[in-house]
Amino acid sequence: MVPVSYYLALAAILFALGALGVLIRRNAIIIFMSIELMLNAANLLFVAFARSFESLDGQIYVFFVIAVAAAEVAVGLALIVTIFRTKHSIDIDELSSMKG
Protein backbone atom coordinates (compact mmCIF):
# COMPACT_ATOMS: atom_id res chain seq x y z
CA MET A 1 0.00 0.00 0.00
CA VAL A 2 1.31 3.44 -0.93
CA PRO A 3 1.67 5.85 2.02
CA VAL A 4 -0.59 8.89 2.14
CA SER A 5 2.46 11.15 2.24
CA TYR A 6 3.23 10.24 -1.39
CA TYR A 7 -0.24 11.30 -2.45
CA LEU A 8 0.15 14.47 -0.40
CA ALA A 9 3.42 15.31 -2.15
CA LEU A 10 1.97 14.59 -5.60
CA ALA A 11 -1.10 16.71 -4.86
CA ALA A 12 1.10 19.56 -3.60
CA ILE A 13 3.16 19.46 -6.79
CA LEU A 14 0.05 19.40 -8.99
CA PHE A 15 -1.53 22.25 -7.02
CA ALA A 16 1.65 24.32 -7.24
CA LEU A 17 1.84 23.77 -11.01
CA GLY A 18 -1.78 24.84 -11.33
CA ALA A 19 -1.25 27.93 -9.21
CA LEU A 20 1.81 28.89 -11.27
CA GLY A 21 -0.22 28.43 -14.44
CA VAL A 22 -2.91 30.78 -13.16
CA LEU A 23 -0.40 33.40 -12.05
CA ILE A 24 2.00 33.30 -15.00
CA ARG A 25 -0.07 32.58 -18.11
CA ARG A 26 -2.20 35.14 -19.95
CA ASN A 27 -4.20 32.75 -22.13
CA ALA A 28 -7.72 32.18 -20.75
CA ILE A 29 -7.84 28.53 -21.82
CA ILE A 30 -4.52 27.77 -20.09
CA ILE A 31 -5.82 29.48 -16.96
CA PHE A 32 -8.92 27.29 -17.00
CA MET A 33 -6.76 24.20 -17.45
CA SER A 34 -4.64 25.29 -14.48
CA ILE A 35 -7.73 25.71 -12.32
CA GLU A 36 -8.82 22.21 -13.30
CA LEU A 37 -5.37 20.92 -12.34
CA MET A 38 -5.73 22.50 -8.90
CA LEU A 39 -9.20 20.95 -8.46
CA ASN A 40 -7.82 17.55 -9.44
CA ALA A 41 -5.05 17.92 -6.85
CA ALA A 42 -7.71 18.49 -4.21
CA ASN A 43 -9.66 15.49 -5.52
CA LEU A 44 -6.56 13.32 -5.25
CA LEU A 45 -6.22 14.24 -1.58
CA PHE A 46 -9.91 13.61 -0.90
CA VAL A 47 -9.63 10.11 -2.35
CA ALA A 48 -6.31 9.36 -0.63
CA PHE A 49 -7.56 10.38 2.79
CA ALA A 50 -10.88 8.59 2.26
CA ARG A 51 -8.99 5.40 1.44
CA SER A 52 -6.64 5.75 4.41
CA PHE A 53 -9.54 6.34 6.84
CA GLU A 54 -11.69 3.71 5.09
CA SER A 55 -14.58 6.12 4.58
CA LEU A 56 -16.61 7.01 1.50
CA ASP A 57 -17.06 10.65 2.45
CA GLY A 58 -14.02 11.81 0.47
CA GLN A 59 -15.21 10.07 -2.67
CA ILE A 60 -18.63 11.70 -2.33
CA TYR A 61 -16.91 15.10 -2.11
CA VAL A 62 -14.92 14.26 -5.22
CA PHE A 63 -18.13 13.51 -7.10
CA PHE A 64 -19.51 16.94 -6.23
CA VAL A 65 -16.24 18.71 -7.03
CA ILE A 66 -16.16 17.07 -10.45
CA ALA A 67 -19.77 18.12 -11.08
CA VAL A 68 -19.00 21.72 -10.11
CA ALA A 69 -15.84 21.67 -12.24
CA ALA A 70 -17.81 20.46 -15.26
CA ALA A 71 -20.31 23.28 -14.82
CA GLU A 72 -17.46 25.77 -14.41
CA VAL A 73 -15.85 24.58 -17.62
CA ALA A 74 -19.12 24.81 -19.55
CA VAL A 75 -19.78 28.38 -18.41
CA GLY A 76 -16.13 29.41 -18.73
CA LEU A 77 -15.74 28.09 -22.25
CA ALA A 78 -19.00 29.76 -23.29
CA LEU A 79 -17.63 33.06 -21.99
CA ILE A 80 -14.30 32.52 -23.74
CA VAL A 81 -16.02 31.77 -27.06
CA THR A 82 -18.19 34.88 -26.72
CA ILE A 83 -15.20 37.07 -25.89
CA PHE A 84 -13.20 35.59 -28.77
CA ARG A 85 -16.01 36.37 -31.20
CA THR A 86 -16.08 40.02 -30.19
CA LYS A 87 -12.38 40.74 -29.55
CA HIS A 88 -10.69 38.08 -31.76
CA SER A 89 -8.31 37.32 -28.90
CA ILE A 90 -8.46 35.54 -25.56
CA ASP A 91 -5.54 37.37 -23.97
CA ILE A 92 -6.40 38.24 -20.37
CA ASP A 93 -4.62 41.61 -20.53
CA GLU A 94 -6.99 42.77 -23.26
CA LEU A 95 -10.05 41.84 -21.18
CA SER A 96 -9.39 44.62 -18.70
CA SER A 97 -11.15 46.96 -21.13
CA MET A 98 -14.41 45.24 -20.18
CA LYS A 99 -14.48 47.01 -16.80
CA GLY A 100 -17.48 49.28 -16.47
PDB file of N, CA and C in Angstrom:
ATOM      1  N   MET A   1       0.843  -1.177   0.000  1.00  0.00           N
ATOM      2  CA  MET A   1       0.000   0.000   0.000  1.00  0.00           C
ATOM      3  C   MET A   1       0.892   1.245   0.000  1.00  0.00           C
ATOM      4  N   VAL A   2       0.533   2.211  -0.810  1.00  0.00           N
ATOM      5  CA  VAL A   2       1.312   3.439  -0.931  1.00  0.00           C
ATOM      6  C   VAL A   2       0.962   4.369   0.237  1.00  0.00           C
ATOM      7  N   PRO A   3       1.956   4.941   0.898  1.00  0.00           N
ATOM      8  CA  PRO A   3       1.671   5.853   2.018  1.00  0.00           C
ATOM      9  C   PRO A   3       0.953   7.119   1.551  1.00  0.00           C
ATOM     10  N   VAL A   4       0.175   7.683   2.450  1.00  0.00           N
ATOM     11  CA  VAL A   4      -0.586   8.888   2.138  1.00  0.00           C
ATOM     12  C   VAL A   4       0.348  10.066   1.863  1.00  0.00           C
ATOM     13  N   SER A   5       1.527  10.040   2.437  1.00  0.00           N
ATOM     14  CA  SER A   5       2.462  11.152   2.236  1.00  0.00           C
ATOM     15  C   SER A   5       2.874  11.286   0.765  1.00  0.00           C
ATOM     16  N   TYR A   6       2.919  10.174   0.047  1.00  0.00           N
ATOM     17  CA  TYR A   6       3.234  10.240  -1.388  1.00  0.00           C
ATOM     18  C   TYR A   6       2.126  10.954  -2.153  1.00  0.00           C
ATOM     19  N   TYR A   7       0.890  10.622  -1.807  1.00  0.00           N
ATOM     20  CA  TYR A   7      -0.241  11.305  -2.446  1.00  0.00           C
ATOM     21  C   TYR A   7      -0.259  12.793  -2.086  1.00  0.00           C
ATOM     22  N   LEU A   8       0.094  13.078  -0.836  1.00  0.00           N
ATOM     23  CA  LEU A   8       0.154  14.468  -0.402  1.00  0.00           C
ATOM     24  C   LEU A   8       1.214  15.244  -1.180  1.00  0.00           C
ATOM     25  N   ALA A   9       2.360  14.644  -1.390  1.00  0.00           N
ATOM     26  CA  ALA A   9       3.424  15.308  -2.155  1.00  0.00           C
ATOM     27  C   ALA A   9       3.017  15.500  -3.613  1.00  0.00           C
ATOM     28  N   LEU A  10       2.422  14.476  -4.220  1.00  0.00           N
ATOM     29  CA  LEU A  10       1.971  14.594  -5.601  1.00  0.00           C
ATOM     30  C   LEU A  10       0.901  15.662  -5.745  1.00  0.00           C
ATOM     31  N   ALA A  11      -0.049  15.697  -4.817  1.00  0.00           N
ATOM     32  CA  ALA A  11      -1.102  16.713  -4.863  1.00  0.00           C
ATOM     33  C   ALA A  11      -0.527  18.119  -4.671  1.00  0.00           C
ATOM     34  N   ALA A  12       0.471  18.252  -3.804  1.00  0.00           N
ATOM     35  CA  ALA A  12       1.096  19.563  -3.599  1.00  0.00           C
ATOM     36  C   ALA A  12       1.812  20.024  -4.869  1.00  0.00           C
ATOM     37  N   ILE A  13       2.479  19.113  -5.544  1.00  0.00           N
ATOM     38  CA  ILE A  13       3.162  19.463  -6.794  1.00  0.00           C
ATOM     39  C   ILE A  13       2.154  19.863  -7.863  1.00  0.00           C
ATOM     40  N   LEU A  14       1.076  19.077  -7.996  1.00  0.00           N
ATOM     41  CA  LEU A  14       0.046  19.403  -8.989  1.00  0.00           C
ATOM     42  C   LEU A  14      -0.616  20.739  -8.681  1.00  0.00           C
ATOM     43  N   PHE A  15      -0.904  20.983  -7.398  1.00  0.00           N
ATOM     44  CA  PHE A  15      -1.535  22.245  -7.023  1.00  0.00           C
ATOM     45  C   PHE A  15      -0.595  23.422  -7.285  1.00  0.00           C
ATOM     46  N   ALA A  16       0.676  23.251  -6.997  1.00  0.00           N
ATOM     47  CA  ALA A  16       1.651  24.320  -7.239  1.00  0.00           C
ATOM     48  C   ALA A  16       1.777  24.613  -8.738  1.00  0.00           C
ATOM     49  N   LEU A  17       1.791  23.563  -9.553  1.00  0.00           N
ATOM     50  CA  LEU A  17       1.840  23.775 -11.008  1.00  0.00           C
ATOM     51  C   LEU A  17       0.601  24.508 -11.502  1.00  0.00           C
ATOM     52  N   GLY A  18      -0.552  24.146 -10.960  1.00  0.00           N
ATOM     53  CA  GLY A  18      -1.785  24.835 -11.333  1.00  0.00           C
ATOM     54  C   GLY A  18      -1.776  26.293 -10.900  1.00  0.00           C
ATOM     55  N   ALA A  19      -1.306  26.547  -9.694  1.00  0.00           N
ATOM     56  CA  ALA A  19      -1.246  27.929  -9.213  1.00  0.00           C
ATOM     57  C   ALA A  19      -0.270  28.762 -10.042  1.00  0.00           C
ATOM     58  N   LEU A  20       0.867  28.172 -10.407  1.00  0.00           N
ATOM     59  CA  LEU A  20       1.809  28.885 -11.271  1.00  0.00           C
ATOM     60  C   LEU A  20       1.200  29.164 -12.645  1.00  0.00           C
ATOM     61  N   GLY A  21       0.437  28.219 -13.154  1.00  0.00           N
ATOM     62  CA  GLY A  21      -0.223  28.431 -14.442  1.00  0.00           C
ATOM     63  C   GLY A  21      -1.221  29.560 -14.399  1.00  0.00           C
ATOM     64  N   VAL A  22      -1.945  29.677 -13.297  1.00  0.00           N
ATOM     65  CA  VAL A  22      -2.911  30.776 -13.159  1.00  0.00           C
ATOM     66  C   VAL A  22      -2.187  32.111 -13.040  1.00  0.00           C
ATOM     67  N   LEU A  23      -1.091  32.133 -12.299  1.00  0.00           N
ATOM     68  CA  LEU A  23      -0.395  33.397 -12.053  1.00  0.00           C
ATOM     69  C   LEU A  23       0.470  33.854 -13.223  1.00  0.00           C
ATOM     70  N   ILE A  24       1.034  32.934 -13.967  1.00  0.00           N
ATOM     71  CA  ILE A  24       1.998  33.300 -15.000  1.00  0.00           C
ATOM     72  C   ILE A  24       1.359  33.472 -16.372  1.00  0.00           C
ATOM     73  N   ARG A  25       0.470  32.581 -16.749  1.00  0.00           N
ATOM     74  CA  ARG A  25      -0.072  32.582 -18.109  1.00  0.00           C
ATOM     75  C   ARG A  25      -1.088  33.696 -18.328  1.00  0.00           C
ATOM     76  N   ARG A  26      -1.235  34.113 -19.583  1.00  0.00           N
ATOM     77  CA  ARG A  26      -2.201  35.144 -19.954  1.00  0.00           C
ATOM     78  C   ARG A  26      -3.277  34.619 -20.887  1.00  0.00           C
ATOM     79  N   ASN A  27      -3.205  33.349 -21.259  1.00  0.00           N
ATOM     80  CA  ASN A  27      -4.202  32.748 -22.127  1.00  0.00           C
ATOM     81  C   ASN A  27      -5.342  32.208 -21.260  1.00  0.00           C
ATOM     82  N   ALA A  28      -6.576  32.562 -21.589  1.00  0.00           N
ATOM     83  CA  ALA A  28      -7.719  32.182 -20.753  1.00  0.00           C
ATOM     84  C   ALA A  28      -7.910  30.672 -20.717  1.00  0.00           C
ATOM     85  N   ILE A  29      -7.660  29.981 -21.798  1.00  0.00           N
ATOM     86  CA  ILE A  29      -7.845  28.529 -21.823  1.00  0.00           C
ATOM     87  C   ILE A  29      -6.802  27.849 -20.936  1.00  0.00           C
ATOM     88  N   ILE A  30      -5.566  28.333 -20.963  1.00  0.00           N
ATOM     89  CA  ILE A  30      -4.522  27.771 -20.095  1.00  0.00           C
ATOM     90  C   ILE A  30      -4.856  28.030 -18.630  1.00  0.00           C
ATOM     91  N   ILE A  31      -5.424  29.174 -18.336  1.00  0.00           N
ATOM     92  CA  ILE A  31      -5.819  29.480 -16.962  1.00  0.00           C
ATOM     93  C   ILE A  31      -6.909  28.521 -16.498  1.00  0.00           C
ATOM     94  N   PHE A  32      -7.883  28.252 -17.361  1.00  0.00           N
ATOM     95  CA  PHE A  32      -8.923  27.289 -16.995  1.00  0.00           C
ATOM     96  C   PHE A  32      -8.340  25.896 -16.800  1.00  0.00           C
ATOM     97  N   MET A  33      -7.394  25.498 -17.626  1.00  0.00           N
ATOM     98  CA  MET A  33      -6.758  24.199 -17.455  1.00  0.00           C
ATOM     99  C   MET A  33      -5.984  24.149 -16.133  1.00  0.00           C
ATOM    100  N   SER A  34      -5.371  25.248 -15.750  1.00  0.00           N
ATOM    101  CA  SER A  34      -4.635  25.295 -14.482  1.00  0.00           C
ATOM    102  C   SER A  34      -5.578  25.195 -13.298  1.00  0.00           C
ATOM    103  N   ILE A  35      -6.737  25.821 -13.393  1.00  0.00           N
ATOM    104  CA  ILE A  35      -7.729  25.714 -12.322  1.00  0.00           C
ATOM    105  C   ILE A  35      -8.214  24.273 -12.199  1.00  0.00           C
ATOM    106  N   GLU A  36      -8.421  23.609 -13.327  1.00  0.00           N
ATOM    107  CA  GLU A  36      -8.823  22.210 -13.304  1.00  0.00           C
ATOM    108  C   GLU A  36      -7.734  21.337 -12.675  1.00  0.00           C
ATOM    109  N   LEU A  37      -6.473  21.659 -12.939  1.00  0.00           N
ATOM    110  CA  LEU A  37      -5.371  20.919 -12.338  1.00  0.00           C
ATOM    111  C   LEU A  37      -5.376  21.078 -10.824  1.00  0.00           C
ATOM    112  N   MET A  38      -5.661  22.276 -10.341  1.00  0.00           N
ATOM    113  CA  MET A  38      -5.734  22.498  -8.898  1.00  0.00           C
ATOM    114  C   MET A  38      -6.916  21.744  -8.286  1.00  0.00           C
ATOM    115  N   LEU A  39      -8.049  21.713  -8.972  1.00  0.00           N
ATOM    116  CA  LEU A  39      -9.198  20.953  -8.464  1.00  0.00           C
ATOM    117  C   LEU A  39      -8.889  19.452  -8.428  1.00  0.00           C
ATOM    118  N   ASN A  40      -8.177  18.968  -9.434  1.00  0.00           N
ATOM    119  CA  ASN A  40      -7.818  17.549  -9.442  1.00  0.00           C
ATOM    120  C   ASN A  40      -6.819  17.208  -8.344  1.00  0.00           C
ATOM    121  N   ALA A  41      -5.960  18.143  -7.979  1.00  0.00           N
ATOM    122  CA  ALA A  41      -5.049  17.921  -6.854  1.00  0.00           C
ATOM    123  C   ALA A  41      -5.846  17.770  -5.554  1.00  0.00           C
ATOM    124  N   ALA A  42      -6.854  18.614  -5.394  1.00  0.00           N
ATOM    125  CA  ALA A  42      -7.707  18.489  -4.207  1.00  0.00           C
ATOM    126  C   ALA A  42      -8.475  17.171  -4.228  1.00  0.00           C
ATOM    127  N   ASN A  43      -8.947  16.768  -5.401  1.00  0.00           N
ATOM    128  CA  ASN A  43      -9.658  15.491  -5.517  1.00  0.00           C
ATOM    129  C   ASN A  43      -8.755  14.320  -5.157  1.00  0.00           C
ATOM    130  N   LEU A  44      -7.502  14.380  -5.576  1.00  0.00           N
ATOM    131  CA  LEU A  44      -6.556  13.318  -5.246  1.00  0.00           C
ATOM    132  C   LEU A  44      -6.405  13.184  -3.727  1.00  0.00           C
ATOM    133  N   LEU A  45      -6.331  14.303  -3.041  1.00  0.00           N
ATOM    134  CA  LEU A  45      -6.222  14.244  -1.578  1.00  0.00           C
ATOM    135  C   LEU A  45      -7.490  13.715  -0.932  1.00  0.00           C
ATOM    136  N   PHE A  46      -8.647  14.128  -1.446  1.00  0.00           N
ATOM    137  CA  PHE A  46      -9.905  13.606  -0.903  1.00  0.00           C
ATOM    138  C   PHE A  46      -9.944  12.077  -0.995  1.00  0.00           C
ATOM    139  N   VAL A  47      -9.590  11.556  -2.153  1.00  0.00           N
ATOM    140  CA  VAL A  47      -9.630  10.108  -2.346  1.00  0.00           C
ATOM    141  C   VAL A  47      -8.558   9.412  -1.500  1.00  0.00           C
ATOM    142  N   ALA A  48      -7.378   9.985  -1.418  1.00  0.00           N
ATOM    143  CA  ALA A  48      -6.305   9.362  -0.631  1.00  0.00           C
ATOM    144  C   ALA A  48      -6.668   9.299   0.848  1.00  0.00           C
ATOM    145  N   PHE A  49      -7.195  10.392   1.379  1.00  0.00           N
ATOM    146  CA  PHE A  49      -7.562  10.375   2.792  1.00  0.00           C
ATOM    147  C   PHE A  49      -8.788   9.506   3.045  1.00  0.00           C
ATOM    148  N   ALA A  50      -9.718   9.468   2.094  1.00  0.00           N
ATOM    149  CA  ALA A  50     -10.880   8.589   2.257  1.00  0.00           C
ATOM    150  C   ALA A  50     -10.449   7.127   2.288  1.00  0.00           C
ATOM    151  N   ARG A  51      -9.472   6.791   1.454  1.00  0.00           N
ATOM    152  CA  ARG A  51      -8.990   5.400   1.444  1.00  0.00           C
ATOM    153  C   ARG A  51      -8.220   5.078   2.721  1.00  0.00           C
ATOM    154  N   SER A  52      -7.430   6.032   3.207  1.00  0.00           N
ATOM    155  CA  SER A  52      -6.643   5.746   4.410  1.00  0.00           C
ATOM    156  C   SER A  52      -7.527   5.643   5.655  1.00  0.00           C
ATOM    157  N   PHE A  53      -8.621   6.401   5.692  1.00  0.00           N
ATOM    158  CA  PHE A  53      -9.535   6.337   6.837  1.00  0.00           C
ATOM    159  C   PHE A  53     -10.685   5.364   6.611  1.00  0.00           C
ATOM    160  N   GLU A  54     -10.673   4.690   5.450  1.00  0.00           N
ATOM    161  CA  GLU A  54     -11.691   3.708   5.091  1.00  0.00           C
ATOM    162  C   GLU A  54     -13.100   4.283   5.209  1.00  0.00           C
ATOM    163  N   SER A  55     -13.292   5.427   4.578  1.00  0.00           N
ATOM    164  CA  SER A  55     -14.577   6.117   4.577  1.00  0.00           C
ATOM    165  C   SER A  55     -14.916   6.522   3.150  1.00  0.00           C
ATOM    166  N   LEU A  56     -16.183   6.604   2.839  1.00  0.00           N
ATOM    167  CA  LEU A  56     -16.607   7.006   1.502  1.00  0.00           C
ATOM    168  C   LEU A  56     -16.882   8.505   1.389  1.00  0.00           C
ATOM    169  N   ASP A  57     -16.737   9.227   2.468  1.00  0.00           N
ATOM    170  CA  ASP A  57     -17.057  10.655   2.446  1.00  0.00           C
ATOM    171  C   ASP A  57     -16.190  11.427   1.452  1.00  0.00           C
ATOM    172  N   GLY A  58     -14.921  11.116   1.397  1.00  0.00           N
ATOM    173  CA  GLY A  58     -14.018  11.808   0.474  1.00  0.00           C
ATOM    174  C   GLY A  58     -14.389  11.575  -0.973  1.00  0.00           C
ATOM    175  N   GLN A  59     -14.822  10.363  -1.296  1.00  0.00           N
ATOM    176  CA  GLN A  59     -15.207  10.066  -2.671  1.00  0.00           C
ATOM    177  C   GLN A  59     -16.517  10.749  -3.036  1.00  0.00           C
ATOM    178  N   ILE A  60     -17.390  10.948  -2.075  1.00  0.00           N
ATOM    179  CA  ILE A  60     -18.626  11.704  -2.326  1.00  0.00           C
ATOM    180  C   ILE A  60     -18.288  13.157  -2.604  1.00  0.00           C
ATOM    181  N   TYR A  61     -17.344  13.725  -1.852  1.00  0.00           N
ATOM    182  CA  TYR A  61     -16.912  15.099  -2.111  1.00  0.00           C
ATOM    183  C   TYR A  61     -16.301  15.233  -3.502  1.00  0.00           C
ATOM    184  N   VAL A  62     -15.532  14.237  -3.895  1.00  0.00           N
ATOM    185  CA  VAL A  62     -14.915  14.262  -5.221  1.00  0.00           C
ATOM    186  C   VAL A  62     -15.985  14.283  -6.299  1.00  0.00           C
ATOM    187  N   PHE A  63     -17.032  13.521  -6.127  1.00  0.00           N
ATOM    188  CA  PHE A  63     -18.126  13.510  -7.100  1.00  0.00           C
ATOM    189  C   PHE A  63     -18.718  14.903  -7.258  1.00  0.00           C
ATOM    190  N   PHE A  64     -18.949  15.597  -6.157  1.00  0.00           N
ATOM    191  CA  PHE A  64     -19.514  16.936  -6.233  1.00  0.00           C
ATOM    192  C   PHE A  64     -18.520  17.947  -6.802  1.00  0.00           C
ATOM    193  N   VAL A  65     -17.249  17.809  -6.472  1.00  0.00           N
ATOM    194  CA  VAL A  65     -16.237  18.712  -7.028  1.00  0.00           C
ATOM    195  C   VAL A  65     -16.142  18.540  -8.539  1.00  0.00           C
ATOM    196  N   ILE A  66     -16.206  17.309  -9.010  1.00  0.00           N
ATOM    197  CA  ILE A  66     -16.160  17.067 -10.452  1.00  0.00           C
ATOM    198  C   ILE A  66     -17.388  17.652 -11.131  1.00  0.00           C
ATOM    199  N   ALA A  67     -18.550  17.536 -10.504  1.00  0.00           N
ATOM    200  CA  ALA A  67     -19.771  18.120 -11.081  1.00  0.00           C
ATOM    201  C   ALA A  67     -19.670  19.639 -11.158  1.00  0.00           C
ATOM    202  N   VAL A  68     -19.167  20.264 -10.106  1.00  0.00           N
ATOM    203  CA  VAL A  68     -19.001  21.720 -10.113  1.00  0.00           C
ATOM    204  C   VAL A  68     -17.946  22.132 -11.134  1.00  0.00           C
ATOM    205  N   ALA A  69     -16.882  21.364 -11.263  1.00  0.00           N
ATOM    206  CA  ALA A  69     -15.837  21.674 -12.237  1.00  0.00           C
ATOM    207  C   ALA A  69     -16.370  21.570 -13.660  1.00  0.00           C
ATOM    208  N   ALA A  70     -17.225  20.591 -13.917  1.00  0.00           N
ATOM    209  CA  ALA A  70     -17.808  20.460 -15.255  1.00  0.00           C
ATOM    210  C   ALA A  70     -18.706  21.651 -15.572  1.00  0.00           C
ATOM    211  N   ALA A  71     -19.470  22.097 -14.602  1.00  0.00           N
ATOM    212  CA  ALA A  71     -20.310  23.280 -14.818  1.00  0.00           C
ATOM    213  C   ALA A  71     -19.448  24.522 -15.021  1.00  0.00           C
ATOM    214  N   GLU A  72     -18.373  24.628 -14.266  1.00  0.00           N
ATOM    215  CA  GLU A  72     -17.462  25.766 -14.407  1.00  0.00           C
ATOM    216  C   GLU A  72     -16.830  25.795 -15.789  1.00  0.00           C
ATOM    217  N   VAL A  73     -16.453  24.643 -16.293  1.00  0.00           N
ATOM    218  CA  VAL A  73     -15.850  24.577 -17.622  1.00  0.00           C
ATOM    219  C   VAL A  73     -16.863  24.956 -18.690  1.00  0.00           C
ATOM    220  N   ALA A  74     -18.090  24.491 -18.548  1.00  0.00           N
ATOM    221  CA  ALA A  74     -19.116  24.811 -19.545  1.00  0.00           C
ATOM    222  C   ALA A  74     -19.382  26.310 -19.599  1.00  0.00           C
ATOM    223  N   VAL A  75     -19.528  26.928 -18.448  1.00  0.00           N
ATOM    224  CA  VAL A  75     -19.776  28.375 -18.412  1.00  0.00           C
ATOM    225  C   VAL A  75     -18.538  29.147 -18.846  1.00  0.00           C
ATOM    226  N   GLY A  76     -17.371  28.726 -18.378  1.00  0.00           N
ATOM    227  CA  GLY A  76     -16.131  29.415 -18.728  1.00  0.00           C
ATOM    228  C   GLY A  76     -15.827  29.357 -20.212  1.00  0.00           C
ATOM    229  N   LEU A  77     -16.004  28.198 -20.816  1.00  0.00           N
ATOM    230  CA  LEU A  77     -15.744  28.092 -22.250  1.00  0.00           C
ATOM    231  C   LEU A  77     -16.762  28.876 -23.063  1.00  0.00           C
ATOM    232  N   ALA A  78     -18.000  28.933 -22.597  1.00  0.00           N
ATOM    233  CA  ALA A  78     -19.002  29.761 -23.288  1.00  0.00           C
ATOM    234  C   ALA A  78     -18.597  31.235 -23.238  1.00  0.00           C
ATOM    235  N   LEU A  79     -18.099  31.675 -22.096  1.00  0.00           N
ATOM    236  CA  LEU A  79     -17.629  33.062 -21.986  1.00  0.00           C
ATOM    237  C   LEU A  79     -16.417  33.309 -22.871  1.00  0.00           C
ATOM    238  N   ILE A  80     -15.499  32.362 -22.910  1.00  0.00           N
ATOM    239  CA  ILE A  80     -14.305  32.524 -23.743  1.00  0.00           C
ATOM    240  C   ILE A  80     -14.678  32.600 -25.217  1.00  0.00           C
ATOM    241  N   VAL A  81     -15.599  31.745 -25.655  1.00  0.00           N
ATOM    242  CA  VAL A  81     -16.023  31.774 -27.056  1.00  0.00           C
ATOM    243  C   VAL A  81     -16.697  33.103 -27.389  1.00  0.00           C
ATOM    244  N   THR A  82     -17.525  33.599 -26.493  1.00  0.00           N
ATOM    245  CA  THR A  82     -18.193  34.882 -26.721  1.00  0.00           C
ATOM    246  C   THR A  82     -17.185  36.025 -26.779  1.00  0.00           C
ATOM    247  N   ILE A  83     -16.223  36.020 -25.881  1.00  0.00           N
ATOM    248  CA  ILE A  83     -15.204  37.069 -25.887  1.00  0.00           C
ATOM    249  C   ILE A  83     -14.341  36.976 -27.138  1.00  0.00           C
ATOM    250  N   PHE A  84     -14.011  35.753 -27.564  1.00  0.00           N
ATOM    251  CA  PHE A  84     -13.198  35.587 -28.766  1.00  0.00           C
ATOM    252  C   PHE A  84     -13.932  36.092 -30.003  1.00  0.00           C
ATOM    253  N   ARG A  85     -15.234  35.885 -30.048  1.00  0.00           N
ATOM    254  CA  ARG A  85     -16.006  36.366 -31.205  1.00  0.00           C
ATOM    255  C   ARG A  85     -16.031  37.884 -31.288  1.00  0.00           C
ATOM    256  N   THR A  86     -16.025  38.561 -30.156  1.00  0.00           N
ATOM    257  CA  THR A  86     -16.076  40.024 -30.185  1.00  0.00           C
ATOM    258  C   THR A  86     -14.693  40.658 -30.298  1.00  0.00           C
ATOM    259  N   LYS A  87     -13.710  40.112 -29.596  1.00  0.00           N
ATOM    260  CA  LYS A  87     -12.383  40.738 -29.546  1.00  0.00           C
ATOM    261  C   LYS A  87     -11.346  40.062 -30.443  1.00  0.00           C
ATOM    262  N   HIS A  88     -11.618  38.855 -30.930  1.00  0.00           N
ATOM    263  CA  HIS A  88     -10.689  38.076 -31.760  1.00  0.00           C
ATOM    264  C   HIS A  88      -9.390  37.758 -31.038  1.00  0.00           C
ATOM    265  N   SER A  89      -9.453  37.687 -29.723  1.00  0.00           N
ATOM    266  CA  SER A  89      -8.308  37.324 -28.900  1.00  0.00           C
ATOM    267  C   SER A  89      -8.827  36.862 -27.542  1.00  0.00           C
ATOM    268  N   ILE A  90      -8.089  35.962 -26.908  1.00  0.00           N
ATOM    269  CA  ILE A  90      -8.465  35.538 -25.557  1.00  0.00           C
ATOM    270  C   ILE A  90      -7.363  35.887 -24.559  1.00  0.00           C
ATOM    271  N   ASP A  91      -6.596  36.910 -24.871  1.00  0.00           N
ATOM    272  CA  ASP A  91      -5.542  37.370 -23.973  1.00  0.00           C
ATOM    273  C   ASP A  91      -6.182  38.074 -22.782  1.00  0.00           C
ATOM    274  N   ILE A  92      -5.796  37.705 -21.581  1.00  0.00           N
ATOM    275  CA  ILE A  92      -6.396  38.245 -20.366  1.00  0.00           C
ATOM    276  C   ILE A  92      -6.118  39.739 -20.216  1.00  0.00           C
ATOM    277  N   ASP A  93      -4.953  40.196 -20.661  1.00  0.00           N
ATOM    278  CA  ASP A  93      -4.624  41.613 -20.530  1.00  0.00           C
ATOM    279  C   ASP A  93      -5.578  42.491 -21.332  1.00  0.00           C
ATOM    280  N   GLU A  94      -6.077  41.992 -22.445  1.00  0.00           N
ATOM    281  CA  GLU A  94      -6.994  42.765 -23.258  1.00  0.00           C
ATOM    282  C   GLU A  94      -8.409  42.782 -22.679  1.00  0.00           C
ATOM    283  N   LEU A  95      -8.713  41.897 -21.763  1.00  0.00           N
ATOM    284  CA  LEU A  95     -10.051  41.841 -21.182  1.00  0.00           C
ATOM    285  C   LEU A  95     -10.264  42.899 -20.121  1.00  0.00           C
ATOM    286  N   SER A  96      -9.226  43.577 -19.713  1.00  0.00           N
ATOM    287  CA  SER A  96      -9.394  44.623 -18.698  1.00  0.00           C
ATOM    288  C   SER A  96     -10.198  45.797 -19.241  1.00  0.00           C
ATOM    289  N   SER A  97     -10.339  45.884 -20.547  1.00  0.00           N
ATOM    290  CA  SER A  97     -11.146  46.961 -21.133  1.00  0.00           C
ATOM    291  C   SER A  97     -12.634  46.709 -20.938  1.00  0.00           C
ATOM    292  N   MET A  98     -13.020  45.544 -20.408  1.00  0.00           N
ATOM    293  CA  MET A  98     -14.413  45.241 -20.178  1.00  0.00           C
ATOM    294  C   MET A  98     -14.930  45.827 -18.869  1.00  0.00           C
ATOM    295  N   LYS A  99     -14.048  46.419 -18.086  1.00  0.00           N
ATOM    296  CA  LYS A  99     -14.480  47.005 -16.803  1.00  0.00           C
ATOM    297  C   LYS A  99     -15.418  48.166 -17.083  1.00  0.00           C
ATOM    298  N   GLY A 100     -16.455  48.260 -16.266  1.00  0.00           N
ATOM    299  CA  GLY A 100     -17.483  49.281 -16.474  1.00  0.00           C
ATOM    300  C   GLY A 100     -17.173  50.478 -15.736  1.00  0.00           C
TER     301      GLY A 100
END
